[in-house]
Amino acid sequence: MKRSAGQSTVELTLALTIFIAFALAFVDLFSILFAGSSTDSILRQSLRLAARQHFRPSARIAFEQSLGDYRRANAYRELKLVNFEFDENRSGKVSATVGSTVALPVPLAGWSTVTFNMTAEEVVTAFLEQREVILKE
């Protein structure tokens, strides 16, 4: 009888250990997916603000200010502009690459942070808005 109770305790301990390891890995996986999605949203929102500008310097300033607002509001260890392109032609596009480093809530197997580099592109809408004003007049 005692042997059976001891065996049950060992089996329960092993099962709980494996379950806890999987649960912690799931928390990290969810954090990685959430950070990737958030980085993409931040990048696209900042690009939309930059696309409303007529010139490259003002577009870059608008982008960096938007990025700065997110840096202060979120738990990113690092959120930086890697590359910024602004085509000032009438059919122009603005594109940017953002790098973000996020700390994992449960560091497992030497992984304490995850780094993302994401790139996106938007059409410069400032030119479209200007055309609409000219057509209305």
C-alpha atoms as a PDB file:
ATOM      1  CA  MET A   1       0.000   0.000   0.000  1.00  0.00           C
ATOM      2  CA  LYS A   2       2.770   2.436   0.912  1.00  0.00           C
ATOM      3  CA  ARG A   3       4.617   1.638  -2.291  1.00  0.00           C
ATOM      4  CA  SER A   4       1.553   2.563  -4.371  1.00  0.00           C
ATOM      5  CA  ALA A   5       1.131   5.890  -2.521  1.00  0.00           C
ATOM      6  CA  GLY A   6       4.822   6.742  -3.052  1.00  0.00           C
ATOM      7  CA  GLN A   7       4.562   5.888  -6.729  1.00  0.00           C
ATOM      8  CA  SER A   8       1.505   8.161  -7.106  1.00  0.00           C
ATOM      9  CA  THR A   9       3.368  11.031  -5.439  1.00  0.00           C
ATOM     10  CA  VAL A  10       6.340  10.640  -7.787  1.00  0.00           C
ATOM     11  CA  GLU A  11       4.069  10.456 -10.855  1.00  0.00           C
ATOM     12  CA  LEU A  12       2.139  13.556  -9.732  1.00  0.00           C
ATOM     13  CA  THR A  13       5.384  15.468  -9.149  1.00  0.00           C
ATOM     14  CA  LEU A  14       6.710  14.571 -12.603  1.00  0.00           C
ATOM     15  CA  ALA A  15       3.415  15.426 -14.292  1.00  0.00           C
ATOM     16  CA  LEU A  16       3.173  18.793 -12.508  1.00  0.00           C
ATOM     17  CA  THR A  17       6.766  19.632 -13.403  1.00  0.00           C
ATOM     18  CA  ILE A  18       6.109  18.970 -17.074  1.00  0.00           C
ATOM     19  CA  PHE A  19       2.791  20.853 -16.960  1.00  0.00           C
ATOM     20  CA  ILE A  20       4.387  23.916 -15.316  1.00  0.00           C
ATOM     21  CA  ALA A  21       7.217  23.932 -17.880  1.00  0.00           C
ATOM     22  CA  PHE A  22       4.687  23.881 -20.735  1.00  0.00           C
ATOM     23  CA  ALA A  23       2.574  26.582 -19.074  1.00  0.00           C
ATOM     24  CA  LEU A  24       5.594  28.881 -18.697  1.00  0.00           C
ATOM     25  CA  ALA A  25       6.650  28.239 -22.298  1.00  0.00           C
ATOM     26  CA  PHE A  26       3.092  29.079 -23.398  1.00  0.00           C
ATOM     27  CA  VAL A  27       3.281  32.403 -21.507  1.00  0.00           C
ATOM     28  CA  ASP A  28       6.500  33.261 -23.368  1.00  0.00           C
ATOM     29  CA  LEU A  29       5.027  32.208 -26.714  1.00  0.00           C
ATOM     30  CA  PHE A  30       1.950  34.371 -26.128  1.00  0.00           C
ATOM     31  CA  SER A  31       4.206  37.306 -25.177  1.00  0.00           C
ATOM     32  CA  ILE A  32       6.226  36.864 -28.381  1.00  0.00           C
ATOM     33  CA  LEU A  33       3.074  36.811 -30.534  1.00  0.00           C
ATOM     34  CA  PHE A  34       1.606  39.826 -28.736  1.00  0.00           C
ATOM     35  CA  ALA A  35       4.865  41.795 -29.065  1.00  0.00           C
ATOM     36  CA  GLY A  36       5.064  41.037 -32.780  1.00  0.00           C
ATOM     37  CA  SER A  37       1.497  42.153 -33.334  1.00  0.00           C
ATOM     38  CA  SER A  38       2.010  45.298 -31.262  1.00  0.00           C
ATOM     39  CA  THR A  39       5.204  46.177 -33.133  1.00  0.00           C
ATOM     40  CA  ASP A  40       3.364  45.830 -36.445  1.00  0.00           C
ATOM     41  CA  SER A  41       0.526  48.080 -35.229  1.00  0.00           C
ATOM     42  CA  ILE A  42       2.959  50.696 -33.940  1.00  0.00           C
ATOM     43  CA  LEU A  43       4.857  50.670 -37.235  1.00  0.00           C
ATOM     44  CA  ARG A  44       1.712  51.062 -39.342  1.00  0.00           C
ATOM     45  CA  GLN A  45       0.260  53.825 -37.146  1.00  0.00           C
ATOM     46  CA  SER A  46       3.527  55.767 -37.246  1.00  0.00           C
ATOM     47  CA  LEU A  47       3.694  55.335 -41.036  1.00  0.00           C
ATOM     48  CA  ARG A  48       0.154  56.681 -41.414  1.00  0.00           C
ATOM     49  CA  LEU A  49       1.206  59.835 -39.574  1.00  0.00           C
ATOM     50  CA  ALA A  50       4.326  60.175 -41.719  1.00  0.00           C
ATOM     51  CA  ALA A  51       2.296  59.651 -44.917  1.00  0.00           C
ATOM     52  CA  ARG A  52       0.262  62.778 -44.147  1.00  0.00           C
ATOM     53  CA  GLN A  53       3.365  64.963 -44.506  1.00  0.00           C
ATOM     54  CA  HIS A  54       4.541  66.643 -47.720  1.00  0.00           C
ATOM     55  CA  PHE A  55       8.301  66.481 -47.176  1.00  0.00           C
ATOM     56  CA  ARG A  56      10.806  63.926 -45.922  1.00  0.00           C
ATOM     57  CA  PRO A  57      12.076  65.876 -42.866  1.00  0.00           C
ATOM     58  CA  SER A  58       8.587  66.541 -41.509  1.00  0.00           C
ATOM     59  CA  ALA A  59       7.549  62.952 -42.251  1.00  0.00           C
ATOM     60  CA  ARG A  60      10.521  61.567 -40.343  1.00  0.00           C
ATOM     61  CA  ILE A  61       9.845  63.885 -37.387  1.00  0.00           C
ATOM     62  CA  ALA A  62       6.179  62.803 -37.283  1.00  0.00           C
ATOM     63  CA  PHE A  63       7.223  59.142 -37.451  1.00  0.00           C
ATOM     64  CA  GLU A  64       9.817  59.466 -34.682  1.00  0.00           C
ATOM     65  CA  GLN A  65       7.441  61.424 -32.426  1.00  0.00           C
ATOM     66  CA  SER A  66       4.822  58.723 -32.808  1.00  0.00           C
ATOM     67  CA  LEU A  67       7.423  56.051 -32.082  1.00  0.00           C
ATOM     68  CA  GLY A  68       8.521  58.015 -29.012  1.00  0.00           C
ATOM     69  CA  ASP A  69       4.965  58.059 -27.664  1.00  0.00           C
ATOM     70  CA  TYR A  70       4.825  54.262 -27.894  1.00  0.00           C
ATOM     71  CA  ARG A  71       8.268  53.893 -26.298  1.00  0.00           C
ATOM     72  CA  ARG A  72       7.028  55.651 -23.185  1.00  0.00           C
ATOM     73  CA  ALA A  73       3.655  53.895 -23.078  1.00  0.00           C
ATOM     74  CA  ASN A  74       4.669  50.259 -23.605  1.00  0.00           C
ATOM     75  CA  ALA A  75       7.023  47.760 -22.019  1.00  0.00           C
ATOM     76  CA  TYR A  76       9.526  47.646 -24.864  1.00  0.00           C
ATOM     77  CA  ARG A  77      13.116  47.356 -23.782  1.00  0.00           C
ATOM     78  CA  GLU A  78      14.055  48.991 -27.087  1.00  0.00           C
ATOM     79  CA  LEU A  79      11.989  50.418 -29.941  1.00  0.00           C
ATOM     80  CA  LYS A  80      14.083  52.087 -32.630  1.00  0.00           C
ATOM     81  CA  LEU A  81      13.900  53.278 -36.191  1.00  0.00           C
ATOM     82  CA  VAL A  82      16.222  51.168 -38.358  1.00  0.00           C
ATOM     83  CA  ASN A  83      15.427  52.558 -41.825  1.00  0.00           C
ATOM     84  CA  PHE A  84      13.180  55.329 -43.172  1.00  0.00           C
ATOM     85  CA  GLU A  85      12.412  56.029 -46.843  1.00  0.00           C
ATOM     86  CA  PHE A  86      10.190  58.826 -48.150  1.00  0.00           C
ATOM     87  CA  ASP A  87       9.571  59.245 -51.887  1.00  0.00           C
ATOM     88  CA  GLU A  88       8.629  62.871 -52.543  1.00  0.00           C
ATOM     89  CA  ASN A  89       7.313  62.153 -56.042  1.00  0.00           C
ATOM     90  CA  ARG A  90       3.588  62.568 -56.624  1.00  0.00           C
ATOM     91  CA  SER A  91       3.126  58.791 -56.607  1.00  0.00           C
ATOM     92  CA  GLY A  92       5.303  58.538 -53.512  1.00  0.00           C
ATOM     93  CA  LYS A  93       5.438  55.976 -50.789  1.00  0.00           C
ATOM     94  CA  VAL A  94       6.855  56.031 -47.304  1.00  0.00           C
ATOM     95  CA  SER A  95       8.421  52.929 -45.818  1.00  0.00           C
ATOM     96  CA  ALA A  96      10.181  52.187 -42.564  1.00  0.00           C
ATOM     97  CA  THR A  97      11.816  49.387 -40.652  1.00  0.00           C
ATOM     98  CA  VAL A  98      11.440  49.308 -36.893  1.00  0.00           C
ATOM     99  CA  GLY A  99      13.465  47.174 -34.522  1.00  0.00           C
ATOM    100  CA  SER A 100      11.994  46.266 -31.158  1.00  0.00           C
ATOM    101  CA  THR A 101      13.390  44.297 -28.267  1.00  0.00           C
ATOM    102  CA  VAL A 102      10.946  42.868 -25.744  1.00  0.00           C
ATOM    103  CA  ALA A 103      11.783  41.244 -22.416  1.00  0.00           C
ATOM    104  CA  LEU A 104      10.143  37.862 -21.916  1.00  0.00           C
ATOM    105  CA  PRO A 105       8.146  37.458 -18.696  1.00  0.00           C
ATOM    106  CA  VAL A 106       9.624  33.999 -18.028  1.00  0.00           C
ATOM    107  CA  PRO A 107      13.178  33.620 -19.373  1.00  0.00           C
ATOM    108  CA  LEU A 108      13.583  29.995 -20.453  1.00  0.00           C
ATOM    109  CA  ALA A 109      16.706  28.268 -21.728  1.00  0.00           C
ATOM    110  CA  GLY A 110      18.737  31.477 -21.926  1.00  0.00           C
ATOM    111  CA  TRP A 111      16.127  33.493 -23.812  1.00  0.00           C
ATOM    112  CA  SER A 112      15.469  36.653 -21.837  1.00  0.00           C
ATOM    113  CA  THR A 113      14.633  38.946 -24.780  1.00  0.00           C
ATOM    114  CA  VAL A 114      13.242  38.690 -28.301  1.00  0.00           C
ATOM    115  CA  THR A 115      14.115  41.149 -31.085  1.00  0.00           C
ATOM    116  CA  PHE A 116      11.860  41.929 -34.054  1.00  0.00           C
ATOM    117  CA  ASN A 117      12.630  43.882 -37.220  1.00  0.00           C
ATOM    118  CA  MET A 118       9.490  44.758 -39.141  1.00  0.00           C
ATOM    119  CA  THR A 119       9.097  46.680 -42.381  1.00  0.00           C
ATOM    120  CA  ALA A 120       5.957  48.273 -43.791  1.00  0.00           C
ATOM    121  CA  GLU A 121       4.994  50.712 -46.526  1.00  0.00           C
ATOM    122  CA  GLU A 122       2.220  53.279 -46.984  1.00  0.00           C
ATOM    123  CA  VAL A 123       1.186  55.578 -49.829  1.00  0.00           C
ATOM    124  CA  VAL A 124       1.904  59.244 -49.116  1.00  0.00           C
ATOM    125  CA  THR A 125      -1.633  60.556 -48.615  1.00  0.00           C
ATOM    126  CA  ALA A 126      -0.571  64.200 -48.319  1.00  0.00           C
ATOM    127  CA  PHE A 127      -0.355  64.348 -52.108  1.00  0.00           C
ATOM    128  CA  LEU A 128      -3.788  62.773 -52.494  1.00  0.00           C
ATOM    129  CA  GLU A 129      -5.325  65.283 -50.082  1.00  0.00           C
ATOM    130  CA  GLN A 130      -3.677  68.129 -52.007  1.00  0.00           C
ATOM    131  CA  ARG A 131      -5.143  66.829 -55.287  1.00  0.00           C
ATOM    132  CA  GLU A 132      -8.625  66.692 -53.739  1.00  0.00           C
ATOM    133  CA  VAL A 133      -8.366  70.343 -52.651  1.00  0.00           C
ATOM    134  CA  ILE A 134      -7.244  71.392 -56.143  1.00  0.00           C
ATOM    135  CA  LEU A 135     -10.068  69.433 -57.789  1.00  0.00           C
ATOM    136  CA  LYS A 136     -12.685  70.990 -55.477  1.00  0.00           C
ATOM    137  CA  GLU A 137     -11.558  74.506 -56.339  1.00  0.00           C
END
